[in-house]
């Protein structure tokens, strides 16, 4: 009997537990983890001693990261990329002090980065790309001195980028795009090994810090779609820069003169700002292939642009440009895209199209609509055999549409409407068999429309693709367009 009572007491003690027992009681968030020899994660049992790498890349877990992840203290690499994880990153992640690689991208993780991340001082890779993480990036991020890759892009982080990030001297790339960061700290200039910095599509305001000029190894700087107002002159110190993107900001004034020092620059993207001037020094950018200055407040086309012999794309759409198109543009023999058009507000370029333009035989897009250009479309238009897009809509062009237009057999879009063009529509128009959009309306074309127009594969019944109304064209009209010619002045028809 006594023996049974002793056994009962021992069993009761086991059930109730001892004071020093390490037991994770259900429902007690503060209870210590039960990390003995094994741990079960997502239905799989892992040896705590022997598990050094856990790679579940693209395994569809459809779950949260359990606190028990903190038991795997021998882990050097944890890769849970694209595993459909949700919920928060548990603070127990800080137990994994041997981690070198922590990759949690392309999930649905929420909440803030736990401050315990600062304990992972051996990390060389921290990838949190494309989650729904919020809040400020913890200042403890600066403890991760060995980081070579830090990826926080495509989240919802807020506030200033922490100044402590300037201590991560081994970083070579820093993608922070598509968050809600508000400020670039001066300490960014300490990251002298950076080759690529992307803080685009955030809520940055004010000036780019001048310390940016310390990043001598930088080849790509992406700051588009923010609310930045000033480009510092120190930008000129980035002698290795190949791409500078500042589209969609609130930049004002003139581009700094020092831009001319960026002789390795290949793409200069400044669309949709409020810039008023381009310095002549821009002509020093001999490697520049793409220059986007559309949707600004520029009034003059600098002649020095004609020195950019490697330029393939030049866009000055929707600026209040005045004067004439400089003939120096004709020296840009590698151009494939050229636009001086006006969309929201028309440009005010005047005078004829320089004859040198018709020698740019690599052009695929020539866009000059909504200006006050005069003169005619010359027969030399036939030189532009690579053209797919030609729009001279809404100018004051006169003369005829030359028959040589039929040699542009790659043309897909031809718009010369709303000018003062006269004469007949050339029969050769039917040779443009790639054409899907043709605009000839609001001119003074006369005579009969050639039957060859029916050789074109155009949606004639849709005036977005075909419009010929408001001319002086005479019936009978070709069968394919007879119902779509609109109003014509037939006063002078027989």
Protein backbone atom coordinates (compact mmCIF):
# COMPACT_ATOMS: atom_id res chain seq x y z
CA UNK A 1 0.00 0.00 0.00
CA UNK A 2 2.81 2.39 0.94
CA UNK A 3 4.62 1.49 -2.24
CA UNK A 4 1.55 2.46 -4.31
CA UNK A 5 1.28 5.83 -2.54
CA UNK A 6 4.93 6.60 -3.29
CA UNK A 7 4.44 5.77 -6.95
CA UNK A 8 1.29 7.95 -7.05
CA UNK A 9 3.19 10.88 -5.56
CA UNK A 10 5.98 10.52 -8.09
CA UNK A 11 3.50 10.49 -10.94
CA UNK A 12 1.73 13.57 -9.59
CA UNK A 13 5.05 15.41 -9.32
CA UNK A 14 5.83 14.58 -12.93
CA UNK A 15 2.40 15.81 -14.06
CA UNK A 16 2.50 19.07 -12.09
CA UNK A 17 6.11 19.72 -12.96
CA UNK A 18 9.19 20.78 -11.03
CA UNK A 19 10.24 24.39 -10.47
CA UNK A 20 13.33 24.15 -12.65
CA UNK A 21 11.74 22.22 -15.50
CA UNK A 22 12.11 23.82 -19.00
CA UNK A 23 8.55 23.15 -20.18
CA UNK A 24 6.76 25.23 -22.86
CA UNK A 25 3.25 25.41 -21.51
CA UNK A 26 0.53 25.90 -24.15
CA UNK A 27 -0.84 29.44 -24.17
CA UNK A 28 2.13 30.93 -22.28
CA UNK A 29 3.96 33.17 -24.79
CA UNK A 30 6.78 33.91 -22.34
CA UNK A 31 7.51 30.29 -21.54
CA UNK A 32 10.97 29.13 -22.68
CA UNK A 33 11.27 26.92 -25.74
CA UNK A 34 11.53 23.18 -25.28
CA UNK A 35 14.83 22.77 -27.15
CA UNK A 36 16.20 19.35 -26.27
CA UNK A 37 17.55 17.26 -29.13
CA UNK A 38 14.85 17.63 -31.77
CA UNK A 39 12.31 20.19 -32.91
CA UNK A 40 9.26 19.82 -35.14
CA UNK A 41 8.77 22.54 -37.77
CA UNK A 42 5.96 22.42 -40.34
CA UNK A 43 5.39 18.74 -39.63
CA UNK A 44 9.03 17.68 -40.01
CA UNK A 45 11.34 16.68 -37.18
CA UNK A 46 14.81 18.26 -37.28
CA UNK A 47 17.86 17.38 -35.21
CA UNK A 48 19.00 20.47 -33.32
CA UNK A 49 22.60 19.30 -33.27
CA UNK A 50 22.90 18.23 -36.89
CA UNK A 51 20.77 20.79 -38.77
CA UNK A 52 23.10 23.42 -40.22
CA UNK A 53 21.16 24.37 -43.35
CA UNK A 54 17.39 24.63 -43.80
CA UNK A 55 16.43 25.29 -47.41
CA UNK A 56 12.69 25.16 -48.16
CA UNK A 57 12.81 27.46 -51.18
CA UNK A 58 9.36 27.47 -52.91
CA UNK A 59 7.96 24.72 -50.64
CA UNK A 60 4.33 25.70 -50.07
CA UNK A 61 4.23 25.84 -46.26
CA UNK A 62 1.15 28.10 -46.02
CA UNK A 63 1.88 28.80 -42.37
CA UNK A 64 3.69 31.11 -39.96
CA UNK A 65 7.28 30.96 -38.72
CA UNK A 66 6.94 29.25 -35.29
CA UNK A 67 9.00 30.42 -32.30
CA UNK A 68 10.59 26.96 -32.26
CA UNK A 69 12.74 28.09 -35.20
CA UNK A 70 14.94 29.54 -32.48
CA UNK A 71 15.91 26.05 -31.35
CA UNK A 72 18.05 25.42 -34.44
CA UNK A 73 21.03 27.27 -33.03
CA UNK A 74 23.52 25.55 -35.33
CA UNK A 75 21.87 26.92 -38.47
CA UNK A 76 24.16 28.84 -40.79
CA UNK A 77 21.62 29.23 -43.61
CA UNK A 78 17.84 29.62 -43.43
CA UNK A 79 16.11 29.96 -46.79
CA UNK A 80 12.31 30.22 -46.74
CA UNK A 81 11.88 32.03 -50.04
CA UNK A 82 8.41 31.99 -51.60
CA UNK A 83 6.90 29.53 -49.10
CA UNK A 84 3.63 31.46 -48.57
CA UNK A 85 4.49 32.40 -45.02
CA UNK A 86 2.33 34.89 -43.12
CA UNK A 87 2.41 36.47 -39.69
CA UNK A 88 5.35 38.10 -37.95
CA UNK A 89 9.02 37.19 -37.82
CA UNK A 90 9.38 35.73 -34.29
CA UNK A 91 11.83 37.35 -31.89
CA UNK A 92 13.38 33.91 -31.38
CA UNK A 93 15.09 34.39 -34.73
CA UNK A 94 17.69 36.23 -32.68
CA UNK A 95 18.78 32.90 -31.14
CA UNK A 96 20.30 31.82 -34.45
CA UNK A 97 23.63 33.52 -33.84
CA UNK A 98 25.48 31.25 -36.27
CA UNK A 99 23.38 32.37 -39.23
CA UNK A 100 25.25 33.64 -42.27
CA UNK A 101 22.27 33.66 -44.65
CA UNK A 102 18.70 34.64 -43.70
CA UNK A 103 16.43 34.68 -46.75
CA UNK A 104 12.69 35.22 -46.28
CA UNK A 105 11.70 36.93 -49.56
CA UNK A 106 8.45 36.67 -51.52
CA UNK A 107 6.12 35.84 -48.67
CA UNK A 108 3.31 37.61 -46.83
CA UNK A 109 5.17 38.39 -43.61
CA UNK A 110 3.77 41.30 -41.60
CA UNK A 111 4.70 43.37 -38.59
CA UNK A 112 8.09 44.92 -37.87
CA UNK A 113 11.60 43.54 -38.08
CA UNK A 114 12.24 42.23 -34.55
CA UNK A 115 15.04 44.14 -32.77
CA UNK A 116 16.66 40.77 -31.98
CA UNK A 117 17.84 40.75 -35.60
CA UNK A 118 20.75 42.81 -34.26
CA UNK A 119 22.10 39.68 -32.52
CA UNK A 120 22.82 37.97 -35.85
CA UNK A 121 26.21 39.59 -36.20
CA UNK A 122 27.55 36.91 -38.56
CA UNK A 123 24.98 37.58 -41.30
CA UNK A 124 26.31 38.28 -44.76
CA UNK A 125 22.87 38.04 -46.43
CA UNK A 126 19.59 39.42 -45.10
CA UNK A 127 16.84 39.22 -47.71
CA UNK A 128 13.32 40.37 -46.81
CA UNK A 129 12.26 41.34 -50.33
CA UNK A 130 8.58 41.49 -51.23
CA UNK A 131 6.71 41.01 -47.98
CA UNK A 132 4.30 43.29 -46.10
CA UNK A 133 6.66 44.35 -43.34
CA UNK A 134 5.95 47.70 -41.70
CA UNK A 135 7.36 50.21 -39.25
CA UNK A 136 10.86 51.61 -38.98
CA UNK A 137 13.94 49.58 -39.74
CA UNK A 138 15.55 48.96 -36.32
CA UNK A 139 18.75 50.87 -35.60
CA UNK A 140 20.33 47.57 -34.55
CA UNK A 141 20.68 46.78 -38.25
CA UNK A 142 23.97 48.62 -37.91
CA UNK A 143 25.35 45.76 -35.79
CA UNK A 144 25.40 43.49 -38.83
CA UNK A 145 28.86 44.60 -39.90
CA UNK A 146 29.48 41.57 -42.14
CA UNK A 147 26.41 42.15 -44.34
CA UNK A 148 27.18 42.06 -48.05
CA UNK A 149 23.57 41.91 -49.23
CA UNK A 150 20.70 43.71 -47.52
CA UNK A 151 17.39 43.58 -49.37
CA UNK A 152 14.41 45.38 -47.90
CA UNK A 153 12.69 46.33 -51.16
CA UNK A 154 8.96 45.89 -51.83
CA UNK A 155 7.68 46.26 -48.27
CA UNK A 156 5.94 49.03 -46.34
CA UNK A 157 8.77 50.33 -44.17
CA UNK A 158 8.31 53.92 -42.97
CA UNK A 159 10.32 56.77 -41.52
CA UNK A 160 13.90 57.74 -42.33
CA UNK A 161 16.43 55.18 -43.44
CA UNK A 162 18.35 54.57 -40.17
CA UNK A 163 21.69 56.37 -40.00
CA UNK A 164 23.24 53.18 -38.62
CA UNK A 165 23.01 51.69 -42.08
CA UNK A 166 26.11 53.72 -42.85
CA UNK A 167 28.15 51.25 -40.79
CA UNK A 168 27.54 48.38 -43.22
CA UNK A 169 30.72 48.93 -45.19
CA UNK A 170 30.68 45.56 -46.96
CA UNK A 171 27.44 46.24 -48.85
CA UNK A 172 27.82 46.30 -52.62
CA UNK A 173 24.10 46.69 -53.44
CA UNK A 174 21.32 48.30 -51.42
CA UNK A 175 17.80 47.80 -52.83
CA UNK A 176 15.24 49.77 -50.78
CA UNK A 177 12.73 50.55 -53.54
CA UNK A 178 8.96 50.44 -53.08
CA UNK A 179 8.70 51.36 -49.41
CA UNK A 180 7.68 54.56 -47.64
CA UNK A 181 11.08 55.82 -46.51
CA UNK A 182 11.16 59.59 -46.02
CA UNK A 183 14.82 60.54 -45.70
CA UNK A 184 18.28 59.51 -46.89
CA UNK A 185 20.79 59.88 -44.03
CA UNK A 186 24.16 61.57 -44.70
CA UNK A 187 25.79 58.37 -43.46
CA UNK A 188 24.83 56.75 -46.76
CA UNK A 189 28.08 58.27 -47.98
CA UNK A 190 30.03 55.81 -45.83
CA UNK A 191 29.00 52.86 -48.00
CA UNK A 192 31.94 53.28 -50.32
CA UNK A 193 31.74 49.74 -51.73
CA UNK A 194 28.23 50.26 -53.12
CA UNK A 195 27.87 49.73 -56.84
CA UNK A 196 24.06 49.96 -56.96
CA UNK A 197 21.71 52.02 -54.79
CA UNK A 198 17.96 51.90 -55.38
CA UNK A 199 15.61 53.99 -53.19
CA UNK A 200 13.04 54.58 -55.92
CA UNK A 201 9.29 54.67 -55.29
CA UNK A 202 9.45 55.90 -51.71
CA UNK A 203 8.47 59.21 -50.08
CA UNK A 204 11.87 60.90 -49.98
CA UNK A 205 11.74 64.68 -49.74
CA UNK A 206 14.19 67.58 -49.90
CA UNK A 207 17.68 67.33 -51.32
CA UNK A 208 19.81 64.31 -52.02
CA UNK A 209 22.52 64.49 -49.31
CA UNK A 210 25.84 65.79 -50.71
CA UNK A 211 27.61 62.82 -49.10
CA UNK A 212 26.26 60.79 -52.02
CA UNK A 213 29.34 62.04 -53.84
CA UNK A 214 31.53 59.75 -51.70
CA UNK A 215 30.20 56.63 -53.43
CA UNK A 216 32.95 56.46 -56.04
CA UNK A 217 32.21 52.85 -57.04
CA UNK A 218 28.53 53.50 -57.71
CA UNK A 219 27.42 52.52 -61.21
CA UNK A 220 23.63 52.74 -60.77
CA UNK A 221 21.64 55.30 -58.76
CA UNK A 222 17.85 54.88 -58.85
CA UNK A 223 15.86 57.60 -57.05
CA UNK A 224 12.82 57.96 -59.31
CA UNK A 225 9.26 58.43 -58.01
CA UNK A 226 9.97 60.39 -54.85
CA UNK A 227 9.55 64.06 -53.89
CA UNK A 228 13.18 65.17 -54.15
CA UNK A 229 13.75 68.82 -55.02
CA UNK A 230 17.49 69.27 -55.58
CA UNK A 231 20.38 67.47 -57.26
CA UNK A 232 23.57 68.32 -55.32
CA UNK A 233 26.65 69.41 -57.28
CA UNK A 234 28.53 66.54 -55.58
CA UNK A 235 26.73 64.18 -57.95
CA UNK A 236 29.54 65.00 -60.37
CA UNK A 237 32.01 63.03 -58.23
CA UNK A 238 30.35 59.70 -59.18
CA UNK A 239 32.80 59.10 -61.98
CA UNK A 240 31.79 55.45 -62.50
CA UNK A 241 28.06 56.12 -62.72
CA UNK A 242 26.34 54.55 -65.72
CA UNK A 243 22.67 55.08 -64.77
CA UNK A 244 21.16 58.10 -63.00
CA UNK A 245 17.39 57.90 -62.65
CA UNK A 246 15.48 60.81 -61.08
CA UNK A 247 12.22 60.57 -63.02
CA UNK A 248 9.01 61.62 -61.27
CA UNK A 249 10.36 63.92 -58.57
CA UNK A 250 9.98 67.65 -57.91
CA UNK A 251 13.39 68.79 -59.13
CA UNK A 252 13.57 72.49 -59.97
CA UNK A 253 16.08 74.89 -61.48
CA UNK A 254 18.86 73.79 -63.77
CA UNK A 255 20.67 70.48 -63.89
CA UNK A 256 24.01 71.12 -62.09
CA UNK A 257 27.02 71.88 -64.29
CA UNK A 258 28.90 69.00 -62.69
CA UNK A 259 26.68 66.56 -64.58
CA UNK A 260 29.24 66.95 -67.34
CA UNK A 261 31.82 65.13 -65.20
CA UNK A 262 29.87 61.86 -65.42
CA UNK A 263 31.66 60.77 -68.56
CA UNK A 264 30.71 57.09 -68.10
CA UNK A 265 27.01 57.86 -67.91
CA UNK A 266 24.87 55.85 -70.33
CA UNK A 267 21.34 56.69 -69.13
CA UNK A 268 20.21 60.05 -67.72
CA UNK A 269 16.53 59.85 -66.77
CA UNK A 270 14.97 63.13 -65.59
CA UNK A 271 11.40 62.89 -66.89
CA UNK A 272 8.46 64.50 -65.10
CA UNK A 273 10.13 67.16 -62.96
CA UNK A 274 10.16 70.95 -63.06
CA UNK A 275 13.64 71.49 -64.47
CA UNK A 276 14.18 74.75 -66.34
CA UNK A 277 17.70 74.44 -67.71
CA UNK A 278 20.19 72.02 -69.23
CA UNK A 279 23.86 73.08 -68.96
CA UNK A 280 26.09 73.06 -72.01
CA UNK A 281 28.35 70.63 -70.11
CA UNK A 282 25.88 67.88 -71.00
CA UNK A 283 27.71 67.70 -74.32
CA UNK A 284 30.63 66.01 -72.52
CA UNK A 285 28.66 62.82 -71.87
CA UNK A 286 30.10 60.92 -74.80
CA UNK A 287 28.81 57.54 -73.62
CA UNK A 288 25.22 58.68 -73.11
CA UNK A 289 22.72 56.46 -74.93
CA UNK A 290 19.43 57.58 -73.34
CA UNK A 291 18.44 61.12 -72.37
CA UNK A 292 14.91 61.60 -71.02
CA UNK A 293 13.91 65.20 -70.29
CA UNK A 294 10.19 64.94 -71.07
CA UNK A 295 7.56 66.66 -68.90
CA UNK A 296 9.74 69.46 -67.55
CA UNK A 297 9.82 73.24 -67.99
CA UNK A 298 12.68 73.48 -70.47
CA UNK A 299 12.46 76.25 -73.04
CA UNK A 300 15.53 75.64 -75.19
CA UNK A 301 17.17 72.61 -76.77
CA UNK A 302 20.90 73.00 -76.01
CA UNK A 303 23.01 72.75 -79.15
CA UNK A 304 25.56 70.66 -77.26
CA UNK A 305 23.18 67.70 -77.36
CA UNK A 306 24.40 67.28 -80.92
CA UNK A 307 27.75 66.11 -79.51
CA UNK A 308 26.24 63.01 -77.90
CA UNK A 309 27.27 60.70 -80.71
CA UNK A 310 26.18 57.49 -78.91
CA UNK A 311 22.68 58.73 -78.12
CA UNK A 312 19.92 56.34 -79.18
CA UNK A 313 16.94 57.90 -77.38
CA UNK A 314 16.18 61.60 -76.92
CA UNK A 315 12.83 62.62 -75.40
CA UNK A 316 11.85 66.26 -74.81
CA UNK A 317 8.09 65.67 -74.94
CA UNK A 318 5.87 68.23 -73.19
CA UNK A 319 8.25 71.06 -72.45
CA UNK A 320 7.51 74.72 -73.34
CA UNK A 321 10.22 74.61 -76.00
CA UNK A 322 10.64 77.61 -78.26
CA UNK A 323 12.80 78.42 -81.26
CA UNK A 324 13.75 75.95 -83.95
CA UNK A 325 14.96 72.38 -83.89
CA UNK A 326 18.76 72.69 -83.97
CA UNK A 327 20.37 71.17 -87.04
CA UNK A 328 22.97 69.60 -84.73
CA UNK A 329 20.38 66.96 -83.86
CA UNK A 330 21.12 65.56 -87.30
CA UNK A 331 24.60 64.57 -86.08
CA UNK A 332 23.11 61.95 -83.76
CA UNK A 333 23.47 59.13 -86.26
CA UNK A 334 22.68 56.39 -83.71
CA UNK A 335 19.29 57.82 -82.71
CA UNK A 336 16.40 55.38 -82.83
CA UNK A 337 13.87 57.48 -80.85
CA UNK A 338 13.37 61.24 -81.17
CA UNK A 339 10.46 63.16 -79.65
CA UNK A 340 9.87 66.91 -79.38
CA UNK A 341 6.12 66.54 -79.13
CA UNK A 342 3.63 68.18 -76.81
CA UNK A 343 0.97 66.23 -74.96
CA UNK A 344 -0.60 68.04 -72.01
CA UNK A 345 0.85 71.32 -73.21
CA UNK A 346 2.09 71.75 -76.75
CA UNK A 347 5.67 72.72 -77.43
CA UNK A 348 6.17 75.89 -79.43
CA UNK A 349 8.91 74.85 -81.82
CA UNK A 350 8.81 76.76 -85.08
CA UNK A 351 10.47 76.70 -88.47
CA UNK A 352 10.99 73.77 -90.79
CA UNK A 353 12.19 70.33 -89.81
CA UNK A 354 15.97 70.51 -90.39
CA UNK A 355 16.97 68.54 -93.49
CA UNK A 356 19.62 66.76 -91.40
CA UNK A 357 16.83 64.90 -89.60
CA UNK A 358 16.09 62.92 -92.75
CA UNK A 359 19.61 61.44 -92.61
CA UNK A 360 19.02 59.71 -89.25
CA UNK A 361 18.59 56.33 -90.86
CA UNK A 362 18.44 54.38 -87.58
CA UNK A 363 15.29 56.14 -86.43
CA UNK A 364 12.35 53.93 -85.56
CA UNK A 365 10.26 56.64 -83.82
CA UNK A 366 10.01 60.26 -85.01
CA UNK A 367 7.48 62.23 -82.96
CA UNK A 368 7.01 65.97 -83.53
CA UNK A 369 3.27 66.49 -82.96
CA UNK A 370 1.67 69.55 -81.31
CA UNK A 371 4.20 72.17 -82.40
CA UNK A 372 4.20 75.04 -84.86
CA UNK A 373 6.54 73.51 -87.40
CA UNK A 374 6.33 74.79 -90.96
CA UNK A 375 7.68 73.71 -94.34
CA UNK A 376 7.04 70.43 -96.09
CA UNK A 377 7.65 66.72 -95.74
CA UNK A 378 10.46 66.21 -98.27
CA UNK A 379 11.03 63.20 -100.54
CA UNK A 380 14.09 62.44 -98.37
CA UNK A 381 11.70 60.97 -95.82
CA UNK A 382 12.30 57.75 -97.76
CA UNK A 383 15.76 57.51 -96.13
CA UNK A 384 14.17 56.55 -92.82
CA UNK A 385 13.47 52.97 -93.80
CA UNK A 386 13.55 51.74 -90.19
CA UNK A 387 10.69 53.99 -89.09
CA UNK A 388 7.79 52.28 -87.38
CA UNK A 389 6.23 55.40 -85.84
CA UNK A 390 5.96 58.76 -87.63
CA UNK A 391 3.72 61.42 -86.19
CA UNK A 392 3.74 65.04 -87.33
CA UNK A 393 0.19 65.70 -86.18
CA UNK A 394 -0.95 69.24 -85.35
CA UNK A 395 1.66 71.49 -86.92
CA UNK A 396 1.59 73.95 -89.81
CA UNK A 397 3.16 71.74 -92.46
CA UNK A 398 2.36 72.47 -96.09
CA UNK A 399 2.95 70.83 -99.45
CA UNK A 400 2.07 67.29 -100.39
CA UNK A 401 2.49 63.91 -98.78
CA UNK A 402 5.36 62.64 -100.98
CA UNK A 403 4.97 59.38 -102.84
CA UNK A 404 8.29 58.28 -101.31
CA UNK A 405 6.35 57.68 -98.09
CA UNK A 406 5.52 54.30 -99.62
CA UNK A 407 9.13 53.19 -99.16
CA UNK A 408 8.73 53.14 -95.37
CA UNK A 409 7.51 49.58 -95.38
CA UNK A 410 8.16 49.05 -91.65
CA UNK A 411 5.78 51.86 -90.72
CA UNK A 412 3.04 50.91 -88.28
CA UNK A 413 1.80 54.36 -87.27
CA UNK A 414 1.53 57.33 -89.63
CA UNK A 415 -0.14 60.50 -88.38
CA UNK A 416 0.05 63.78 -90.32
CA UNK A 417 -3.40 65.08 -89.43
CA UNK A 418 -4.22 68.69 -88.51
CA UNK A 419 -1.72 70.35 -90.83
CA UNK A 420 -2.16 72.23 -94.10
CA UNK A 421 -1.16 69.45 -96.46
CA UNK A 422 -2.53 69.58 -100.01
CA UNK A 423 -2.61 67.49 -103.16
CA UNK A 424 -3.70 63.90 -103.52
CA UNK A 425 -3.04 60.96 -101.24
CA UNK A 426 -0.30 58.98 -103.03
CA UNK A 427 -1.13 55.57 -104.40
CA UNK A 428 2.02 54.28 -102.68
CA UNK A 429 0.19 54.52 -99.35
CA UNK A 430 -1.01 50.99 -100.10
CA UNK A 431 2.58 49.70 -99.86
CA UNK A 432 2.60 50.31 -96.10
CA UNK A 433 1.31 46.84 -95.34
CA UNK A 434 2.50 46.90 -91.71
CA UNK A 435 0.40 49.98 -90.96
CA UNK A 436 -2.28 49.66 -88.28
CA UNK A 437 -2.93 53.36 -87.65
CA UNK A 438 -3.34 56.09 -90.28
CA UNK A 439 -4.27 59.70 -89.56
CA UNK A 440 -4.77 62.07 -92.49
CA UNK A 441 -7.71 64.19 -91.27
CA UNK A 442 -7.99 67.98 -90.93
CA UNK A 443 -5.85 68.83 -93.94
CA UNK A 444 -6.60 69.99 -97.48
CA UNK A 445 -6.05 66.75 -99.34
CA UNK A 446 -8.02 66.68 -102.59
CA UNK A 447 -8.83 64.38 -105.48
CA UNK A 448 -9.77 60.76 -105.10
CA UNK A 449 -8.56 58.35 -102.45
CA UNK A 450 -6.49 55.60 -104.13
CA UNK A 451 -8.02 52.13 -104.16
CA UNK A 452 -4.70 50.83 -102.81
CA UNK A 453 -5.71 52.06 -99.36
CA UNK A 454 -7.81 48.90 -99.12
CA UNK A 455 -4.58 46.86 -99.16
CA UNK A 456 -3.94 48.06 -95.62
CA UNK A 457 -4.88 45.89 -92.67
CA UNK A 458 -6.48 48.71 -90.66
CA UNK A 459 -9.60 48.81 -88.55
CA UNK A 460 -11.20 51.49 -90.75
CA UNK A 461 -14.41 51.73 -88.72
CA UNK A 462 -12.55 52.94 -85.61
CA UNK A 463 -11.39 56.57 -85.81
CA UNK A 464 -8.62 55.85 -83.33
CA UNK A 465 -6.94 53.76 -86.03
CA UNK A 466 -8.15 55.60 -89.12
CA UNK A 467 -9.32 59.14 -89.68
CA UNK A 468 -9.50 60.99 -92.98
CA UNK A 469 -12.35 63.44 -92.31
CA UNK A 470 -12.24 67.21 -92.91
CA UNK A 471 -10.39 67.19 -96.23
CA UNK A 472 -11.48 67.92 -99.80
CA UNK A 473 -11.56 64.36 -101.03
CA UNK A 474 -13.92 63.43 -103.81
CA UNK A 475 -16.25 60.47 -104.31
CA UNK A 476 -16.48 57.72 -105.25
CA UNK A 477 -14.54 56.45 -102.26
CA UNK A 478 -12.87 53.02 -102.06
CA UNK A 479 -15.26 50.36 -100.79
CA UNK A 480 -13.29 49.76 -97.58
CA UNK A 481 -13.64 53.36 -96.35
CA UNK A 482 -16.75 54.69 -98.07
CA UNK A 483 -18.71 54.67 -94.82
CA UNK A 484 -15.87 56.16 -92.77
CA UNK A 485 -14.66 59.22 -94.70
CA UNK A 486 -16.62 61.61 -92.50
CA UNK A 487 -17.23 65.21 -93.59
CA UNK A 488 -15.48 66.21 -96.83
CA UNK A 489 -15.56 69.51 -98.71
CA UNK A 490 -16.52 68.38 -102.20
CA UNK A 491 -17.02 71.88 -103.59
CA UNK A 492 -14.25 71.47 -106.16
CA UNK A 493 -15.11 67.89 -107.11
CA UNK A 494 -16.40 67.16 -110.63
